[in-house]
Amino acid sequence: MRSITLEAPAKLNLTLDILRRRPDGYHEMRMVMGSISLCDRVTVEPADDGFVLRTRGVTLPSGRITMEQRAAEAFFAALHRPMPGLVVTLEKQIPAYAGLGGGSSDVAALLRALRQLYAPEMSTAELERIGLQVGSDVPYCVRGGTCLAEGRGEALTDLPPLPPCPVVVCKPAIDLPTAQLFARVRPEAFSRRPDTQGMLRALGSGSLEAVARQLCNVFEEVLPAGAEAAVKTIKGRLLDGGALNAAMSGSGPTVFGLFSDSETARRAFEALHKDYPQTFLAQIL
């Protein structure tokens, strides 16, 4: 059987709101998300037996079952068949612990590759249900595009696409595990929340400027002091560099800026990259 390689795009949170903590321990979310051209690559090859994960660009902790293996096991369990031998190779470009959904997107690409190889008749909805067993962002990453995500992030509504534009993405040298930030969240204490309906109207209008005005992420209010200062600095530099607006993505600490023209975005990227090596110039997908 042939091997297959698929791209795993990073995601941006155009808006992120946390409504409340649920009885099951998860948080009720409302987010508008979009995919960008910054991506990892995932290759799946049949093997004689076992599950082997190889990585380029990142070192994974040893001695634990990875998200990729859990996803493969869940996929074949849904097919009611034993998991065959697999070799999965990740070529990483998306920074880890960045709020860009890199791990979830890798799992989603793996699931899409497995579908192509072993179950081409499987619906996207079924693939999303399998992905939810592994992580809350995986269903969105299976689908991609511009979506409203509610519930844990699995209740998806397709939206008009974000207008094409360059985006500069910058991660400071700080790691912010998502669980750490959720522990700091008190939804009733947020001073500013996204106008989700305003963002939906902006996307419907096709106006990049209107979309940019609606960027908002409540996680920015619960950052530890060091991360808060870094995010504020990068946002300021993106805005000074000509971004229409800037915001943190996901649980951070990555900050992105939307730009109306490629030359301005390129100059902003070059200026930031000198001080922040994990800065990327990408496009909205």
C-alpha atoms as a PDB file:
ATOM      1  CA  MET A   1       0.000   0.000   0.000  1.00  0.00           C
ATOM      2  CA  ARG A   2       1.243   3.495  -0.857  1.00  0.00           C
ATOM      3  CA  SER A   3       2.420   6.150   1.583  1.00  0.00           C
ATOM      4  CA  ILE A   4       0.770   9.558   1.788  1.00  0.00           C
ATOM      5  CA  THR A   5       1.936  13.020   2.913  1.00  0.00           C
ATOM      6  CA  LEU A   6      -0.463  15.770   3.957  1.00  0.00           C
ATOM      7  CA  GLU A   7      -0.019  19.300   5.259  1.00  0.00           C
ATOM      8  CA  ALA A   8      -1.188  20.199   8.767  1.00  0.00           C
ATOM      9  CA  PRO A   9      -1.967  23.941   8.840  1.00  0.00           C
ATOM     10  CA  ALA A  10      -1.739  26.085  11.951  1.00  0.00           C
ATOM     11  CA  LYS A  11      -4.909  27.758  13.193  1.00  0.00           C
ATOM     12  CA  LEU A  12      -5.555  31.277  14.465  1.00  0.00           C
ATOM     13  CA  ASN A  13      -8.211  32.344  16.916  1.00  0.00           C
ATOM     14  CA  LEU A  14      -9.799  35.473  15.499  1.00  0.00           C
ATOM     15  CA  THR A  15     -11.969  35.510  18.600  1.00  0.00           C
ATOM     16  CA  LEU A  16     -11.842  33.388  21.752  1.00  0.00           C
ATOM     17  CA  ASP A  17     -14.421  33.584  24.518  1.00  0.00           C
ATOM     18  CA  ILE A  18     -14.765  31.361  27.596  1.00  0.00           C
ATOM     19  CA  LEU A  19     -18.367  31.359  28.768  1.00  0.00           C
ATOM     20  CA  ARG A  20     -18.307  29.135  31.855  1.00  0.00           C
ATOM     21  CA  ARG A  21     -16.903  26.005  33.436  1.00  0.00           C
ATOM     22  CA  ARG A  22     -19.050  22.960  32.719  1.00  0.00           C
ATOM     23  CA  PRO A  23     -20.042  20.208  35.172  1.00  0.00           C
ATOM     24  CA  ASP A  24     -17.811  17.761  33.240  1.00  0.00           C
ATOM     25  CA  GLY A  25     -14.745  19.913  34.005  1.00  0.00           C
ATOM     26  CA  TYR A  26     -14.384  21.358  30.509  1.00  0.00           C
ATOM     27  CA  HIS A  27     -15.052  25.000  29.664  1.00  0.00           C
ATOM     28  CA  GLU A  28     -17.821  26.196  27.375  1.00  0.00           C
ATOM     29  CA  MET A  29     -16.083  28.000  24.535  1.00  0.00           C
ATOM     30  CA  ARG A  30     -17.095  30.258  21.675  1.00  0.00           C
ATOM     31  CA  MET A  31     -14.374  30.915  19.093  1.00  0.00           C
ATOM     32  CA  VAL A  32     -13.943  31.993  15.495  1.00  0.00           C
ATOM     33  CA  MET A  33     -10.962  30.244  13.937  1.00  0.00           C
ATOM     34  CA  GLY A  34      -9.134  30.298  10.627  1.00  0.00           C
ATOM     35  CA  SER A  35      -6.337  28.282   9.000  1.00  0.00           C
ATOM     36  CA  ILE A  36      -3.032  29.713   7.771  1.00  0.00           C
ATOM     37  CA  SER A  37      -0.271  28.536   5.455  1.00  0.00           C
ATOM     38  CA  LEU A  38       2.253  27.900   8.265  1.00  0.00           C
ATOM     39  CA  CYS A  39       2.097  24.115   8.447  1.00  0.00           C
ATOM     40  CA  ASP A  40       3.665  20.843   9.502  1.00  0.00           C
ATOM     41  CA  ARG A  41       3.839  17.839   7.177  1.00  0.00           C
ATOM     42  CA  VAL A  42       2.617  14.382   8.169  1.00  0.00           C
ATOM     43  CA  THR A  43       3.613  11.248   6.262  1.00  0.00           C
ATOM     44  CA  VAL A  44       1.936   7.895   6.872  1.00  0.00           C
ATOM     45  CA  GLU A  45       3.499   4.667   5.616  1.00  0.00           C
ATOM     46  CA  PRO A  46       2.240   1.107   6.130  1.00  0.00           C
ATOM     47  CA  ALA A  47       4.642  -1.132   8.067  1.00  0.00           C
ATOM     48  CA  ASP A  48       4.830  -4.773   9.061  1.00  0.00           C
ATOM     49  CA  ASP A  49       3.613  -4.217  12.618  1.00  0.00           C
ATOM     50  CA  GLY A  50       3.497  -1.744  15.517  1.00  0.00           C
ATOM     51  CA  PHE A  51       3.234   2.048  15.562  1.00  0.00           C
ATOM     52  CA  VAL A  52       6.372   4.107  14.984  1.00  0.00           C
ATOM     53  CA  LEU A  53       6.424   7.917  15.248  1.00  0.00           C
ATOM     54  CA  ARG A  54       9.398   9.748  13.772  1.00  0.00           C
ATOM     55  CA  THR A  55       9.908  13.476  14.121  1.00  0.00           C
ATOM     56  CA  ARG A  56      11.943  16.165  12.425  1.00  0.00           C
ATOM     57  CA  GLY A  57      12.215  19.575  14.031  1.00  0.00           C
ATOM     58  CA  VAL A  58      11.069  18.524  17.503  1.00  0.00           C
ATOM     59  CA  THR A  59      11.941  15.970  20.187  1.00  0.00           C
ATOM     60  CA  LEU A  60       9.010  14.169  21.772  1.00  0.00           C
ATOM     61  CA  PRO A  61       9.060  12.860  25.370  1.00  0.00           C
ATOM     62  CA  SER A  62       9.774   9.138  25.497  1.00  0.00           C
ATOM     63  CA  GLY A  63       7.831   6.508  27.381  1.00  0.00           C
ATOM     64  CA  ARG A  64       4.312   7.793  26.797  1.00  0.00           C
ATOM     65  CA  ILE A  65       1.610   7.083  24.240  1.00  0.00           C
ATOM     66  CA  THR A  66       1.447  10.000  21.823  1.00  0.00           C
ATOM     67  CA  MET A  67      -1.640  11.785  20.559  1.00  0.00           C
ATOM     68  CA  GLU A  68      -0.856  10.350  17.132  1.00  0.00           C
ATOM     69  CA  GLN A  69      -0.935   6.760  18.389  1.00  0.00           C
ATOM     70  CA  ARG A  70      -4.156   7.391  20.308  1.00  0.00           C
ATOM     71  CA  ALA A  71      -5.696   8.858  17.153  1.00  0.00           C
ATOM     72  CA  ALA A  72      -4.665   5.876  15.032  1.00  0.00           C
ATOM     73  CA  GLU A  73      -6.030   3.442  17.611  1.00  0.00           C
ATOM     74  CA  ALA A  74      -9.330   5.354  17.777  1.00  0.00           C
ATOM     75  CA  PHE A  75      -9.571   5.410  13.977  1.00  0.00           C
ATOM     76  CA  PHE A  76      -9.224   1.652  13.585  1.00  0.00           C
ATOM     77  CA  ALA A  77     -11.470   1.001  16.591  1.00  0.00           C
ATOM     78  CA  ALA A  78     -14.171   2.958  14.740  1.00  0.00           C
ATOM     79  CA  LEU A  79     -13.611   0.642  11.766  1.00  0.00           C
ATOM     80  CA  HIS A  80     -13.863  -2.405  14.077  1.00  0.00           C
ATOM     81  CA  ARG A  81     -10.560  -3.764  12.835  1.00  0.00           C
ATOM     82  CA  PRO A  82      -7.057  -4.204  14.284  1.00  0.00           C
ATOM     83  CA  MET A  83      -4.594  -1.388  13.729  1.00  0.00           C
ATOM     84  CA  PRO A  84      -2.044  -2.352  11.067  1.00  0.00           C
ATOM     85  CA  GLY A  85       1.608  -1.501  11.321  1.00  0.00           C
ATOM     86  CA  LEU A  86       2.235   2.190  10.696  1.00  0.00           C
ATOM     87  CA  VAL A  87       5.187   4.548  10.445  1.00  0.00           C
ATOM     88  CA  VAL A  88       4.196   8.206  10.933  1.00  0.00           C
ATOM     89  CA  THR A  89       6.716  10.985  10.258  1.00  0.00           C
ATOM     90  CA  LEU A  90       6.124  14.536  11.512  1.00  0.00           C
ATOM     91  CA  GLU A  91       8.055  17.400   9.935  1.00  0.00           C
ATOM     92  CA  LYS A  92       7.484  20.241  12.381  1.00  0.00           C
ATOM     93  CA  GLN A  93       7.357  23.946  11.545  1.00  0.00           C
ATOM     94  CA  ILE A  94       4.565  25.083  13.876  1.00  0.00           C
ATOM     95  CA  PRO A  95       5.952  25.970  17.328  1.00  0.00           C
ATOM     96  CA  ALA A  96       4.780  23.870  20.273  1.00  0.00           C
ATOM     97  CA  TYR A  97       2.877  25.344  23.250  1.00  0.00           C
ATOM     98  CA  ALA A  98       2.094  28.316  21.056  1.00  0.00           C
ATOM     99  CA  GLY A  99      -1.698  28.550  20.771  1.00  0.00           C
ATOM    100  CA  LEU A 100      -1.517  27.613  17.077  1.00  0.00           C
ATOM    101  CA  GLY A 101      -2.990  24.118  17.340  1.00  0.00           C
ATOM    102  CA  GLY A 102       0.089  22.400  15.939  1.00  0.00           C
ATOM    103  CA  GLY A 103      -0.380  19.133  17.818  1.00  0.00           C
ATOM    104  CA  SER A 104      -4.088  18.998  17.027  1.00  0.00           C
ATOM    105  CA  SER A 105      -3.445  19.763  13.367  1.00  0.00           C
ATOM    106  CA  ASP A 106      -0.860  16.950  13.166  1.00  0.00           C
ATOM    107  CA  VAL A 107      -3.434  14.518  14.567  1.00  0.00           C
ATOM    108  CA  ALA A 108      -6.062  15.796  12.123  1.00  0.00           C
ATOM    109  CA  ALA A 109      -3.696  15.346   9.167  1.00  0.00           C
ATOM    110  CA  LEU A 110      -2.925  11.813  10.364  1.00  0.00           C
ATOM    111  CA  LEU A 111      -6.648  11.015  10.541  1.00  0.00           C
ATOM    112  CA  ARG A 112      -7.239  12.439   7.058  1.00  0.00           C
ATOM    113  CA  ALA A 113      -4.342  10.370   5.720  1.00  0.00           C
ATOM    114  CA  LEU A 114      -5.678   7.202   7.368  1.00  0.00           C
ATOM    115  CA  ARG A 115      -9.072   7.870   5.826  1.00  0.00           C
ATOM    116  CA  GLN A 116      -7.538   8.172   2.370  1.00  0.00           C
ATOM    117  CA  LEU A 117      -5.556   4.961   2.837  1.00  0.00           C
ATOM    118  CA  TYR A 118      -8.042   2.737   4.657  1.00  0.00           C
ATOM    119  CA  ALA A 119     -11.589   4.177   4.634  1.00  0.00           C
ATOM    120  CA  PRO A 120     -12.183   6.695   1.813  1.00  0.00           C
ATOM    121  CA  GLU A 121     -15.937   6.327   2.333  1.00  0.00           C
ATOM    122  CA  MET A 122     -15.749   7.713   5.893  1.00  0.00           C
ATOM    123  CA  SER A 123     -17.530  11.046   6.308  1.00  0.00           C
ATOM    124  CA  THR A 124     -15.815  14.158   7.620  1.00  0.00           C
ATOM    125  CA  ALA A 125     -18.350  14.229  10.476  1.00  0.00           C
ATOM    126  CA  GLU A 126     -17.254  10.747  11.573  1.00  0.00           C
ATOM    127  CA  LEU A 127     -13.597  11.738  11.319  1.00  0.00           C
ATOM    128  CA  GLU A 128     -14.327  14.778  13.503  1.00  0.00           C
ATOM    129  CA  ARG A 129     -16.003  12.532  16.102  1.00  0.00           C
ATOM    130  CA  ILE A 130     -12.928  10.318  16.199  1.00  0.00           C
ATOM    131  CA  GLY A 131     -10.692  13.365  16.539  1.00  0.00           C
ATOM    132  CA  LEU A 132     -12.655  14.647  19.533  1.00  0.00           C
ATOM    133  CA  GLN A 133     -11.553  11.549  21.446  1.00  0.00           C
ATOM    134  CA  VAL A 134      -7.993  12.878  21.209  1.00  0.00           C
ATOM    135  CA  GLY A 135      -8.397  16.643  21.664  1.00  0.00           C
ATOM    136  CA  SER A 136     -10.955  19.455  21.632  1.00  0.00           C
ATOM    137  CA  ASP A 137      -9.301  21.314  18.721  1.00  0.00           C
ATOM    138  CA  VAL A 138      -8.918  18.229  16.521  1.00  0.00           C
ATOM    139  CA  PRO A 139     -12.432  18.362  14.983  1.00  0.00           C
ATOM    140  CA  TYR A 140     -11.787  21.915  13.765  1.00  0.00           C
ATOM    141  CA  CYS A 141      -8.374  20.933  12.401  1.00  0.00           C
ATOM    142  CA  VAL A 142      -9.973  18.021  10.517  1.00  0.00           C
ATOM    143  CA  ARG A 143     -12.356  20.472   8.846  1.00  0.00           C
ATOM    144  CA  GLY A 144     -10.180  23.596   8.496  1.00  0.00           C
ATOM    145  CA  GLY A 145     -11.237  26.846   6.884  1.00  0.00           C
ATOM    146  CA  THR A 146     -13.075  29.564   8.804  1.00  0.00           C
ATOM    147  CA  CYS A 147     -15.444  28.253  11.480  1.00  0.00           C
ATOM    148  CA  LEU A 148     -17.386  29.178  14.581  1.00  0.00           C
ATOM    149  CA  ALA A 149     -16.440  26.621  17.244  1.00  0.00           C
ATOM    150  CA  GLU A 150     -18.643  26.164  20.308  1.00  0.00           C
ATOM    151  CA  GLY A 151     -18.975  23.688  23.171  1.00  0.00           C
ATOM    152  CA  ARG A 152     -15.510  22.298  23.895  1.00  0.00           C
ATOM    153  CA  GLY A 153     -14.629  23.431  20.375  1.00  0.00           C
ATOM    154  CA  GLU A 154     -16.241  20.491  18.616  1.00  0.00           C
ATOM    155  CA  ALA A 155     -19.568  22.111  17.629  1.00  0.00           C
ATOM    156  CA  LEU A 156     -18.567  23.661  14.308  1.00  0.00           C
ATOM    157  CA  THR A 157     -20.367  26.034  11.962  1.00  0.00           C
ATOM    158  CA  ASP A 158     -18.783  26.905   8.625  1.00  0.00           C
ATOM    159  CA  LEU A 159     -18.388  30.646   8.041  1.00  0.00           C
ATOM    160  CA  PRO A 160     -17.566  32.829   5.047  1.00  0.00           C
ATOM    161  CA  PRO A 161     -13.807  32.705   4.519  1.00  0.00           C
ATOM    162  CA  LEU A 162     -11.536  35.291   6.023  1.00  0.00           C
ATOM    163  CA  PRO A 163     -10.529  37.716   3.268  1.00  0.00           C
ATOM    164  CA  PRO A 164      -7.140  36.707   1.803  1.00  0.00           C
ATOM    165  CA  CYS A 165      -4.333  38.598   3.481  1.00  0.00           C
ATOM    166  CA  PRO A 166      -0.774  38.228   4.747  1.00  0.00           C
ATOM    167  CA  VAL A 167      -0.367  37.500   8.435  1.00  0.00           C
ATOM    168  CA  VAL A 168       2.711  37.810  10.630  1.00  0.00           C
ATOM    169  CA  VAL A 169       2.871  35.245  13.437  1.00  0.00           C
ATOM    170  CA  CYS A 170       5.315  35.707  16.321  1.00  0.00           C
ATOM    171  CA  LYS A 171       5.977  33.418  19.297  1.00  0.00           C
ATOM    172  CA  PRO A 172       8.130  34.768  22.117  1.00  0.00           C
ATOM    173  CA  ALA A 173      10.507  32.394  23.907  1.00  0.00           C
ATOM    174  CA  ILE A 174       7.877  31.402  26.474  1.00  0.00           C
ATOM    175  CA  ASP A 175       5.851  28.198  26.733  1.00  0.00           C
ATOM    176  CA  LEU A 176       2.300  28.436  28.101  1.00  0.00           C
ATOM    177  CA  PRO A 177       0.664  25.044  28.704  1.00  0.00           C
ATOM    178  CA  THR A 178      -3.066  25.423  28.088  1.00  0.00           C
ATOM    179  CA  ALA A 179      -4.083  23.817  31.392  1.00  0.00           C
ATOM    180  CA  GLN A 180      -2.048  26.423  33.282  1.00  0.00           C
ATOM    181  CA  LEU A 181      -4.021  29.282  31.752  1.00  0.00           C
ATOM    182  CA  PHE A 182      -7.411  27.607  32.139  1.00  0.00           C
ATOM    183  CA  ALA A 183      -6.656  27.299  35.867  1.00  0.00           C
ATOM    184  CA  ARG A 184      -6.422  31.115  36.019  1.00  0.00           C
ATOM    185  CA  VAL A 185      -9.744  31.704  34.226  1.00  0.00           C
ATOM    186  CA  ARG A 186     -12.699  33.302  36.009  1.00  0.00           C
ATOM    187  CA  PRO A 187     -15.194  33.933  33.183  1.00  0.00           C
ATOM    188  CA  GLU A 188     -17.287  36.361  35.235  1.00  0.00           C
ATOM    189  CA  ALA A 189     -14.241  38.595  35.760  1.00  0.00           C
ATOM    190  CA  PHE A 190     -13.352  39.344  32.133  1.00  0.00           C
ATOM    191  CA  SER A 191     -13.420  43.076  31.445  1.00  0.00           C
ATOM    192  CA  ARG A 192     -13.719  42.713  27.663  1.00  0.00           C
ATOM    193  CA  ARG A 193     -15.247  39.893  25.656  1.00  0.00           C
ATOM    194  CA  PRO A 194     -15.349  39.271  21.917  1.00  0.00           C
ATOM    195  CA  ASP A 195     -18.308  40.519  19.935  1.00  0.00           C
ATOM    196  CA  THR A 196     -18.844  37.174  18.214  1.00  0.00           C
ATOM    197  CA  GLN A 197     -21.886  38.342  16.278  1.00  0.00           C
ATOM    198  CA  GLY A 198     -19.914  41.390  15.162  1.00  0.00           C
ATOM    199  CA  MET A 199     -17.169  39.097  13.872  1.00  0.00           C
ATOM    200  CA  LEU A 200     -19.726  36.978  11.987  1.00  0.00           C
ATOM    201  CA  ARG A 201     -21.139  40.123  10.369  1.00  0.00           C
ATOM    202  CA  ALA A 202     -17.615  41.278   9.470  1.00  0.00           C
ATOM    203  CA  LEU A 203     -16.817  37.952   7.810  1.00  0.00           C
ATOM    204  CA  GLY A 204     -20.109  38.105   5.955  1.00  0.00           C
ATOM    205  CA  SER A 205     -19.243  41.562   4.647  1.00  0.00           C
ATOM    206  CA  GLY A 206     -15.920  40.376   3.214  1.00  0.00           C
ATOM    207  CA  SER A 207     -14.165  43.394   4.725  1.00  0.00           C
ATOM    208  CA  LEU A 208     -10.691  42.643   6.105  1.00  0.00           C
ATOM    209  CA  GLU A 209     -10.713  45.919   8.024  1.00  0.00           C
ATOM    210  CA  ALA A 210     -14.018  45.011   9.701  1.00  0.00           C
ATOM    211  CA  VAL A 211     -12.674  41.575  10.641  1.00  0.00           C
ATOM    212  CA  ALA A 212      -9.496  43.098  12.062  1.00  0.00           C
ATOM    213  CA  ARG A 213     -11.484  45.449  14.300  1.00  0.00           C
ATOM    214  CA  GLN A 214     -13.183  42.459  15.953  1.00  0.00           C
ATOM    215  CA  LEU A 215     -10.068  40.503  16.999  1.00  0.00           C
ATOM    216  CA  CYS A 216     -10.322  39.626  20.697  1.00  0.00           C
ATOM    217  CA  ASN A 217      -9.040  36.848  22.988  1.00  0.00           C
ATOM    218  CA  VAL A 218     -10.035  36.697  26.668  1.00  0.00           C
ATOM    219  CA  PHE A 219      -6.960  34.627  27.537  1.00  0.00           C
ATOM    220  CA  GLU A 220      -4.952  37.841  27.233  1.00  0.00           C
ATOM    221  CA  GLU A 221      -6.487  38.941  30.548  1.00  0.00           C
ATOM    222  CA  VAL A 222      -5.154  35.966  32.546  1.00  0.00           C
ATOM    223  CA  LEU A 223      -1.551  35.792  31.339  1.00  0.00           C
ATOM    224  CA  PRO A 224       1.275  35.519  33.882  1.00  0.00           C
ATOM    225  CA  ALA A 225       3.203  38.770  34.206  1.00  0.00           C
ATOM    226  CA  GLY A 226       6.152  37.784  31.994  1.00  0.00           C
ATOM    227  CA  ALA A 227       3.943  36.478  29.206  1.00  0.00           C
ATOM    228  CA  GLU A 228       1.644  39.496  29.452  1.00  0.00           C
ATOM    229  CA  ALA A 229       4.580  41.866  28.920  1.00  0.00           C
ATOM    230  CA  ALA A 230       5.873  39.856  25.953  1.00  0.00           C
ATOM    231  CA  VAL A 231       2.455  39.701  24.283  1.00  0.00           C
ATOM    232  CA  LYS A 232       1.904  43.426  24.803  1.00  0.00           C
ATOM    233  CA  THR A 233       5.318  44.237  23.309  1.00  0.00           C
ATOM    234  CA  ILE A 234       4.778  42.095  20.205  1.00  0.00           C
ATOM    235  CA  LYS A 235       1.277  43.466  19.656  1.00  0.00           C
ATOM    236  CA  GLY A 236       2.664  46.982  19.852  1.00  0.00           C
ATOM    237  CA  ARG A 237       5.408  46.242  17.356  1.00  0.00           C
ATOM    238  CA  LEU A 238       2.964  44.637  14.903  1.00  0.00           C
ATOM    239  CA  LEU A 239       0.652  47.647  15.117  1.00  0.00           C
ATOM    240  CA  ASP A 240       3.576  50.061  14.750  1.00  0.00           C
ATOM    241  CA  GLY A 241       4.653  47.996  11.745  1.00  0.00           C
ATOM    242  CA  GLY A 242       1.366  48.556   9.955  1.00  0.00           C
ATOM    243  CA  ALA A 243      -0.886  45.693  11.062  1.00  0.00           C
ATOM    244  CA  LEU A 244      -4.598  46.425  10.857  1.00  0.00           C
ATOM    245  CA  ASN A 245      -4.881  44.798  14.271  1.00  0.00           C
ATOM    246  CA  ALA A 246      -3.123  42.160  16.374  1.00  0.00           C
ATOM    247  CA  ALA A 247      -4.183  39.588  18.957  1.00  0.00           C
ATOM    248  CA  MET A 248      -2.966  36.510  20.774  1.00  0.00           C
ATOM    249  CA  SER A 249      -3.983  33.134  19.334  1.00  0.00           C
ATOM    250  CA  GLY A 250      -5.436  30.396  21.524  1.00  0.00           C
ATOM    251  CA  SER A 251      -3.835  30.120  24.944  1.00  0.00           C
ATOM    252  CA  GLY A 252      -0.772  31.899  23.579  1.00  0.00           C
ATOM    253  CA  PRO A 253       1.774  33.187  23.780  1.00  0.00           C
ATOM    254  CA  THR A 254       1.857  33.556  19.977  1.00  0.00           C
ATOM    255  CA  VAL A 255       0.651  36.896  18.638  1.00  0.00           C
ATOM    256  CA  PHE A 256      -0.487  37.511  15.074  1.00  0.00           C
ATOM    257  CA  GLY A 257      -1.144  40.605  13.027  1.00  0.00           C
ATOM    258  CA  LEU A 258      -3.378  40.940   9.962  1.00  0.00           C
ATOM    259  CA  PHE A 259      -2.004  43.076   7.140  1.00  0.00           C
ATOM    260  CA  SER A 260      -3.612  44.603   4.080  1.00  0.00           C
ATOM    261  CA  ASP A 261      -0.549  44.349   1.819  1.00  0.00           C
ATOM    262  CA  SER A 262       2.383  41.976   1.398  1.00  0.00           C
ATOM    263  CA  GLU A 263       5.187  44.547   1.451  1.00  0.00           C
ATOM    264  CA  THR A 264       4.148  46.026   4.795  1.00  0.00           C
ATOM    265  CA  ALA A 265       3.784  42.513   6.224  1.00  0.00           C
ATOM    266  CA  ARG A 266       7.237  41.535   4.936  1.00  0.00           C
ATOM    267  CA  ARG A 267       8.871  44.553   6.595  1.00  0.00           C
ATOM    268  CA  ALA A 268       7.103  43.826   9.892  1.00  0.00           C
ATOM    269  CA  PHE A 269       8.174  40.186   9.691  1.00  0.00           C
ATOM    270  CA  GLU A 270      11.819  41.087   9.064  1.00  0.00           C
ATOM    271  CA  ALA A 271      11.881  43.547  11.952  1.00  0.00           C
ATOM    272  CA  LEU A 272      10.374  41.076  14.431  1.00  0.00           C
ATOM    273  CA  HIS A 273      12.384  38.086  13.254  1.00  0.00           C
ATOM    274  CA  LYS A 274      15.606  39.784  14.351  1.00  0.00           C
ATOM    275  CA  ASP A 275      14.457  39.626  17.985  1.00  0.00           C
ATOM    276  CA  TYR A 276      12.054  36.669  17.891  1.00  0.00           C
ATOM    277  CA  PRO A 277      13.389  33.730  15.836  1.00  0.00           C
ATOM    278  CA  GLN A 278      10.003  32.010  15.848  1.00  0.00           C
ATOM    279  CA  THR A 279       8.390  34.647  13.642  1.00  0.00           C
ATOM    280  CA  PHE A 280       6.665  33.590  10.433  1.00  0.00           C
ATOM    281  CA  LEU A 281       5.138  35.266   7.401  1.00  0.00           C
ATOM    282  CA  ALA A 282       2.065  33.341   6.275  1.00  0.00           C
ATOM    283  CA  GLN A 283      -1.163  33.639   4.332  1.00  0.00           C
ATOM    284  CA  ILE A 284      -4.763  33.027   5.297  1.00  0.00           C
ATOM    285  CA  LEU A 285      -6.044  29.812   3.736  1.00  0.00           C
END
